[in-house]
Amino acid sequence: MAQFVVRNLDDDVKAALKRRARAHGWSMEEEVRRILRRAVNETPAESTGLGTKISARFSDVGLDQPLSEVRGQEIEPMALDD
């Protein structure tokens, strides 16, 4: 089995890991192993574009057409004439 060392771990993170381990009834090392196992085995969230995220966010307020993605397009700066 592999081993590695985590340097410069914040004291509050270490304390929280100890509390979690104690609550689960196992060692801090086992707690970290389980956290790492869960982290690498979880299915990554689907990556969506900004327009899709905005559309989903406001879907309940009457937006009835999908927003187009803005990628690689030049954006005209706003005119700041007095």
N, C-alpha and C. Protein backbone atom coordinates (compact mmCIF):
# COMPACT_ATOMS: atom_id res chain seq x y z
N MET A 1 0.84 -1.19 0.00
CA MET A 1 0.00 0.00 0.00
C MET A 1 0.88 1.24 0.00
N ALA A 2 0.38 2.28 -0.63
CA ALA A 2 1.11 3.54 -0.73
C ALA A 2 0.94 4.38 0.53
N GLN A 3 1.90 5.25 0.74
CA GLN A 3 1.85 6.20 1.85
C GLN A 3 2.24 7.57 1.34
N PHE A 4 1.71 8.60 1.97
CA PHE A 4 2.19 9.94 1.68
C PHE A 4 1.99 10.82 2.90
N VAL A 5 2.71 11.92 2.94
CA VAL A 5 2.68 12.84 4.08
C VAL A 5 2.05 14.14 3.60
N VAL A 6 1.17 14.69 4.43
CA VAL A 6 0.57 15.99 4.12
C VAL A 6 1.21 17.00 5.05
N ARG A 7 1.97 17.91 4.47
CA ARG A 7 2.65 18.93 5.26
C ARG A 7 1.80 20.20 5.32
N ASN A 8 2.06 21.01 6.32
CA ASN A 8 1.43 22.32 6.48
C ASN A 8 -0.09 22.23 6.57
N LEU A 9 -0.58 21.21 7.23
CA LEU A 9 -2.02 21.05 7.45
C LEU A 9 -2.42 21.99 8.59
N ASP A 10 -3.44 22.79 8.36
CA ASP A 10 -3.89 23.73 9.39
C ASP A 10 -4.31 22.97 10.64
N ASP A 11 -4.03 23.56 11.79
CA ASP A 11 -4.37 22.93 13.07
C ASP A 11 -5.87 22.67 13.20
N ASP A 12 -6.69 23.60 12.70
CA ASP A 12 -8.13 23.41 12.82
C ASP A 12 -8.63 22.26 11.94
N VAL A 13 -7.96 22.03 10.80
CA VAL A 13 -8.32 20.90 9.94
C VAL A 13 -7.97 19.59 10.63
N LYS A 14 -6.78 19.55 11.24
CA LYS A 14 -6.38 18.34 11.96
C LYS A 14 -7.33 18.06 13.12
N ALA A 15 -7.71 19.10 13.85
CA ALA A 15 -8.63 18.92 14.97
C ALA A 15 -9.99 18.42 14.49
N ALA A 16 -10.46 18.95 13.36
CA ALA A 16 -11.74 18.51 12.81
C ALA A 16 -11.67 17.05 12.37
N LEU A 17 -10.55 16.65 11.77
CA LEU A 17 -10.38 15.25 11.37
C LEU A 17 -10.40 14.34 12.60
N LYS A 18 -9.73 14.77 13.67
CA LYS A 18 -9.73 13.97 14.91
C LYS A 18 -11.15 13.83 15.46
N ARG A 19 -11.91 14.94 15.45
CA ARG A 19 -13.29 14.88 15.96
C ARG A 19 -14.14 13.94 15.12
N ARG A 20 -14.01 14.04 13.79
CA ARG A 20 -14.78 13.15 12.90
C ARG A 20 -14.42 11.69 13.15
N ALA A 21 -13.11 11.42 13.27
CA ALA A 21 -12.65 10.05 13.49
C ALA A 21 -13.20 9.50 14.80
N ARG A 22 -13.13 10.31 15.84
CA ARG A 22 -13.63 9.89 17.15
C ARG A 22 -15.13 9.61 17.08
N ALA A 23 -15.88 10.47 16.37
CA ALA A 23 -17.32 10.27 16.24
C ALA A 23 -17.66 8.98 15.49
N HIS A 24 -16.80 8.60 14.54
CA HIS A 24 -17.02 7.37 13.78
C HIS A 24 -16.43 6.14 14.47
N GLY A 25 -15.60 6.36 15.45
CA GLY A 25 -15.03 5.24 16.19
C GLY A 25 -13.82 4.60 15.54
N TRP A 26 -13.09 5.35 14.74
CA TRP A 26 -11.86 4.83 14.15
C TRP A 26 -10.76 5.87 14.21
N SER A 27 -9.58 5.50 13.73
CA SER A 27 -8.42 6.38 13.81
C SER A 27 -8.54 7.54 12.83
N MET A 28 -7.73 8.56 13.07
CA MET A 28 -7.69 9.70 12.17
C MET A 28 -7.20 9.26 10.79
N GLU A 29 -6.24 8.35 10.75
CA GLU A 29 -5.76 7.83 9.46
C GLU A 29 -6.88 7.15 8.69
N GLU A 30 -7.69 6.36 9.38
CA GLU A 30 -8.81 5.70 8.72
C GLU A 30 -9.83 6.73 8.23
N GLU A 31 -10.05 7.76 9.00
CA GLU A 31 -10.96 8.83 8.58
C GLU A 31 -10.47 9.47 7.28
N VAL A 32 -9.18 9.77 7.22
CA VAL A 32 -8.61 10.38 6.02
C VAL A 32 -8.70 9.41 4.84
N ARG A 33 -8.42 8.14 5.06
CA ARG A 33 -8.54 7.14 3.99
C ARG A 33 -9.95 7.11 3.43
N ARG A 34 -10.93 7.11 4.30
CA ARG A 34 -12.32 7.05 3.85
C ARG A 34 -12.72 8.32 3.09
N ILE A 35 -12.27 9.46 3.57
CA ILE A 35 -12.55 10.72 2.88
C ILE A 35 -11.94 10.70 1.49
N LEU A 36 -10.68 10.28 1.40
CA LEU A 36 -10.01 10.23 0.10
C LEU A 36 -10.68 9.23 -0.84
N ARG A 37 -11.04 8.06 -0.30
CA ARG A 37 -11.73 7.06 -1.12
C ARG A 37 -13.01 7.62 -1.71
N ARG A 38 -13.81 8.26 -0.85
CA ARG A 38 -15.06 8.85 -1.31
C ARG A 38 -14.82 9.92 -2.37
N ALA A 39 -13.80 10.76 -2.14
CA ALA A 39 -13.52 11.87 -3.06
C ALA A 39 -13.12 11.38 -4.45
N VAL A 40 -12.32 10.34 -4.53
CA VAL A 40 -11.86 9.88 -5.85
C VAL A 40 -12.88 8.98 -6.53
N ASN A 41 -13.84 8.44 -5.80
CA ASN A 41 -14.83 7.55 -6.39
C ASN A 41 -16.14 8.23 -6.74
N GLU A 42 -16.34 9.47 -6.32
CA GLU A 42 -17.61 10.13 -6.63
C GLU A 42 -17.63 10.56 -8.10
N THR A 43 -18.81 10.56 -8.65
CA THR A 43 -18.99 10.95 -10.05
C THR A 43 -18.87 12.46 -10.14
N PRO A 44 -18.00 12.95 -11.03
CA PRO A 44 -17.85 14.40 -11.14
C PRO A 44 -19.13 15.04 -11.67
N ALA A 45 -19.40 16.24 -11.21
CA ALA A 45 -20.58 16.96 -11.67
C ALA A 45 -20.42 17.30 -13.14
N GLU A 46 -21.53 17.29 -13.84
CA GLU A 46 -21.49 17.60 -15.26
C GLU A 46 -21.14 19.07 -15.45
N SER A 47 -20.19 19.31 -16.31
CA SER A 47 -19.76 20.67 -16.59
C SER A 47 -20.69 21.29 -17.63
N THR A 48 -21.27 22.43 -17.30
CA THR A 48 -22.16 23.11 -18.23
C THR A 48 -21.67 24.53 -18.45
N GLY A 49 -22.12 25.12 -19.51
CA GLY A 49 -21.73 26.48 -19.84
C GLY A 49 -22.50 27.50 -19.01
N LEU A 50 -22.05 28.72 -19.07
CA LEU A 50 -22.67 29.80 -18.29
C LEU A 50 -24.12 30.02 -18.68
N GLY A 51 -24.41 30.01 -19.97
CA GLY A 51 -25.79 30.21 -20.40
C GLY A 51 -26.72 29.14 -19.86
N THR A 52 -26.27 27.91 -19.87
CA THR A 52 -27.07 26.81 -19.34
C THR A 52 -27.30 26.97 -17.84
N LYS A 53 -26.26 27.38 -17.13
CA LYS A 53 -26.39 27.61 -15.68
C LYS A 53 -27.36 28.74 -15.38
N ILE A 54 -27.27 29.83 -16.15
CA ILE A 54 -28.19 30.96 -15.94
C ILE A 54 -29.61 30.53 -16.25
N SER A 55 -29.79 29.80 -17.34
CA SER A 55 -31.12 29.32 -17.72
C SER A 55 -31.73 28.46 -16.61
N ALA A 56 -30.92 27.54 -16.06
CA ALA A 56 -31.41 26.68 -14.99
C ALA A 56 -31.75 27.49 -13.75
N ARG A 57 -30.92 28.47 -13.45
CA ARG A 57 -31.13 29.28 -12.25
C ARG A 57 -32.44 30.05 -12.31
N PHE A 58 -32.80 30.53 -13.49
CA PHE A 58 -34.00 31.36 -13.63
C PHE A 58 -35.13 30.62 -14.34
N SER A 59 -35.11 29.31 -14.36
CA SER A 59 -36.12 28.53 -15.07
C SER A 59 -37.52 28.70 -14.49
N ASP A 60 -37.63 29.07 -13.24
CA ASP A 60 -38.95 29.20 -12.62
C ASP A 60 -39.51 30.61 -12.70
N VAL A 61 -38.87 31.51 -13.44
CA VAL A 61 -39.36 32.89 -13.52
C VAL A 61 -39.81 33.26 -14.94
N GLY A 62 -40.10 32.28 -15.76
CA GLY A 62 -40.68 32.56 -17.06
C GLY A 62 -39.71 32.60 -18.22
N LEU A 63 -38.48 32.23 -18.03
CA LEU A 63 -37.54 32.16 -19.16
C LEU A 63 -37.93 30.94 -19.98
N ASP A 64 -38.40 31.18 -21.21
CA ASP A 64 -38.92 30.06 -21.98
C ASP A 64 -38.06 29.67 -23.17
N GLN A 65 -36.91 30.32 -23.36
CA GLN A 65 -36.00 29.94 -24.43
C GLN A 65 -34.60 29.80 -23.84
N PRO A 66 -33.82 28.83 -24.35
CA PRO A 66 -32.48 28.67 -23.82
C PRO A 66 -31.60 29.87 -24.17
N LEU A 67 -30.68 30.18 -23.27
CA LEU A 67 -29.72 31.27 -23.52
C LEU A 67 -28.57 30.73 -24.34
N SER A 68 -28.13 31.51 -25.30
CA SER A 68 -27.01 31.05 -26.12
C SER A 68 -25.70 31.25 -25.36
N GLU A 69 -24.75 30.40 -25.65
CA GLU A 69 -23.43 30.50 -25.05
C GLU A 69 -22.65 31.61 -25.74
N VAL A 70 -21.87 32.35 -24.97
CA VAL A 70 -21.03 33.41 -25.53
C VAL A 70 -19.59 32.94 -25.37
N ARG A 71 -19.03 32.44 -26.45
CA ARG A 71 -17.66 31.96 -26.42
C ARG A 71 -16.90 32.49 -27.63
N GLY A 72 -15.74 33.05 -27.40
CA GLY A 72 -14.89 33.49 -28.48
C GLY A 72 -15.42 34.68 -29.25
N GLN A 73 -16.38 35.39 -28.70
CA GLN A 73 -16.93 36.55 -29.38
C GLN A 73 -16.37 37.82 -28.75
N GLU A 74 -16.09 38.79 -29.59
CA GLU A 74 -15.64 40.08 -29.09
C GLU A 74 -16.81 40.79 -28.42
N ILE A 75 -16.55 41.38 -27.30
CA ILE A 75 -17.58 42.12 -26.58
C ILE A 75 -17.24 43.60 -26.66
N GLU A 76 -18.20 44.38 -27.12
CA GLU A 76 -17.97 45.81 -27.25
C GLU A 76 -17.97 46.44 -25.86
N PRO A 77 -16.94 47.26 -25.56
CA PRO A 77 -16.95 47.92 -24.27
C PRO A 77 -18.05 48.96 -24.20
N MET A 78 -18.54 49.21 -23.01
CA MET A 78 -19.60 50.17 -22.80
C MET A 78 -19.05 51.57 -23.03
N ALA A 79 -19.84 52.41 -23.70
CA ALA A 79 -19.42 53.80 -23.94
C ALA A 79 -19.58 54.59 -22.65
N LEU A 80 -18.54 55.27 -22.24
CA LEU A 80 -18.58 56.06 -21.01
C LEU A 80 -18.52 57.55 -21.31
N ASP A 81 -19.18 57.98 -22.40
CA ASP A 81 -19.20 59.40 -22.76
C ASP A 81 -20.05 60.17 -21.78
N ASP A 82 -19.58 61.38 -21.51
CA ASP A 82 -20.34 62.25 -20.59
C ASP A 82 -21.36 63.06 -21.32
